[in-house]
């Protein structure tokens, strides 16, 4: 998904106000007002929400899925479920000394 040649510009400004971004829009005076005036000199500094575009592989995968046109409920595959459980077992359960049991 990520390429060694992928270039990310840390200098490119991406306007995220008025996009539903909690990081920015929570600082508006009135979020229900379409003009959404922001408090002056507010710089939201969040660790988990970076203002960088998604990697090209992620954009491609989402675009391909969206072209299908059906957005109903889907069942997880056993492979996906096993992958997630394996990751949790190795990383989370080991760290917190807990076990995950799945009953079918």
Protein backbone atom coordinates (compact mmCIF):
# COMPACT_ATOMS: atom_id res chain seq x y z
CA UNK A 1 0.00 0.00 0.00
CA UNK A 2 2.77 2.42 0.90
CA UNK A 3 5.50 2.90 -1.63
CA UNK A 4 9.12 3.78 -0.94
CA UNK A 5 8.76 6.44 -3.64
CA UNK A 6 5.64 8.02 -2.16
CA UNK A 7 6.15 11.74 -1.69
CA UNK A 8 4.17 13.63 0.93
CA UNK A 9 4.35 17.40 0.99
CA UNK A 10 4.40 18.76 4.52
CA UNK A 11 4.28 22.28 3.09
CA UNK A 12 0.98 21.92 1.20
CA UNK A 13 -1.94 23.54 3.02
CA UNK A 14 -5.19 21.60 2.95
CA UNK A 15 -8.22 23.63 4.04
CA UNK A 16 -10.29 21.43 6.34
CA UNK A 17 -12.68 23.94 7.89
CA UNK A 18 -16.32 23.43 6.85
CA UNK A 19 -15.65 19.77 5.98
CA UNK A 20 -17.06 18.17 9.13
CA UNK A 21 -13.58 17.88 10.62
CA UNK A 22 -13.91 17.70 14.40
CA UNK A 23 -10.36 18.99 14.67
CA UNK A 24 -11.31 22.29 13.07
CA UNK A 25 -15.07 22.66 13.13
CA UNK A 26 -15.37 22.18 16.89
CA UNK A 27 -13.75 25.60 17.28
CA UNK A 28 -16.44 27.40 15.29
CA UNK A 29 -18.66 29.76 17.28
CA UNK A 30 -21.83 28.15 15.96
CA UNK A 31 -21.49 24.90 14.03
CA UNK A 32 -25.15 25.00 12.99
CA UNK A 33 -24.64 28.32 11.21
CA UNK A 34 -23.54 27.80 7.61
CA UNK A 35 -21.09 30.72 7.85
CA UNK A 36 -19.31 29.00 10.77
CA UNK A 37 -17.16 31.84 12.03
CA UNK A 38 -14.05 30.60 13.80
CA UNK A 39 -12.38 31.90 16.92
CA UNK A 40 -9.38 33.99 15.86
CA UNK A 41 -5.85 32.67 16.40
CA UNK A 42 -7.00 29.12 17.15
CA UNK A 43 -4.58 26.47 15.97
CA UNK A 44 -5.94 22.98 16.63
CA UNK A 45 -3.07 20.67 17.53
CA UNK A 46 -4.18 17.05 17.54
CA UNK A 47 -1.85 14.10 17.49
CA UNK A 48 -4.18 11.62 15.76
CA UNK A 49 -5.53 13.87 13.00
CA UNK A 50 -2.88 15.00 10.55
CA UNK A 51 -3.58 17.34 7.67
CA UNK A 52 -2.04 15.10 5.03
CA UNK A 53 -3.78 13.41 2.12
CA UNK A 54 -4.41 9.67 2.35
CA UNK A 55 -1.87 7.42 0.61
CA UNK A 56 -2.63 6.75 -3.08
CA UNK A 57 -3.25 3.04 -2.41
CA UNK A 58 -5.96 3.85 0.12
CA UNK A 59 -7.62 6.35 -2.21
CA UNK A 60 -7.52 3.80 -5.05
CA UNK A 61 -9.04 1.00 -2.93
CA UNK A 62 -11.87 3.22 -1.64
CA UNK A 63 -12.55 4.58 -5.15
CA UNK A 64 -12.73 1.08 -6.63
CA UNK A 65 -15.14 -0.04 -3.92
CA UNK A 66 -17.27 3.10 -4.35
CA UNK A 67 -17.57 2.49 -8.12
CA UNK A 68 -19.44 -0.72 -7.30
CA UNK A 69 -22.30 1.52 -6.18
CA UNK A 70 -23.79 -0.70 -3.48
CA UNK A 71 -23.17 0.34 0.12
CA UNK A 72 -25.24 -2.22 2.01
CA UNK A 73 -24.12 -4.32 4.93
CA UNK A 74 -21.38 -6.81 4.15
CA UNK A 75 -20.26 -9.83 6.11
CA UNK A 76 -16.60 -9.99 7.15
CA UNK A 77 -14.62 -12.79 5.56
CA UNK A 78 -13.09 -15.48 7.75
CA UNK A 79 -9.67 -14.40 6.49
CA UNK A 80 -10.23 -10.81 7.66
CA UNK A 81 -11.60 -11.98 11.00
CA UNK A 82 -8.67 -14.36 11.53
CA UNK A 83 -6.18 -11.61 10.61
CA UNK A 84 -7.68 -9.17 13.10
CA UNK A 85 -7.88 -11.76 15.87
CA UNK A 86 -4.30 -12.84 15.22
CA UNK A 87 -3.11 -9.23 15.46
CA UNK A 88 -5.04 -8.66 18.69
CA UNK A 89 -3.75 -11.91 20.16
CA UNK A 90 -0.12 -11.01 19.37
CA UNK A 91 -0.18 -7.32 20.28
CA UNK A 92 -3.01 -6.47 22.65
CA UNK A 93 -3.63 -9.69 24.52
CA UNK A 94 0.05 -10.28 25.18
CA UNK A 95 0.49 -6.72 26.45
CA UNK A 96 -2.51 -6.81 28.79
CA UNK A 97 -2.38 -10.54 29.57
CA UNK A 98 -5.90 -11.20 28.32
CA UNK A 99 -7.39 -13.79 25.96
CA UNK A 100 -9.88 -13.52 23.14
CA UNK A 101 -12.31 -16.36 22.53
CA UNK A 102 -14.51 -16.57 19.48
CA UNK A 103 -17.51 -18.88 19.60
CA UNK A 104 -19.09 -19.94 16.33
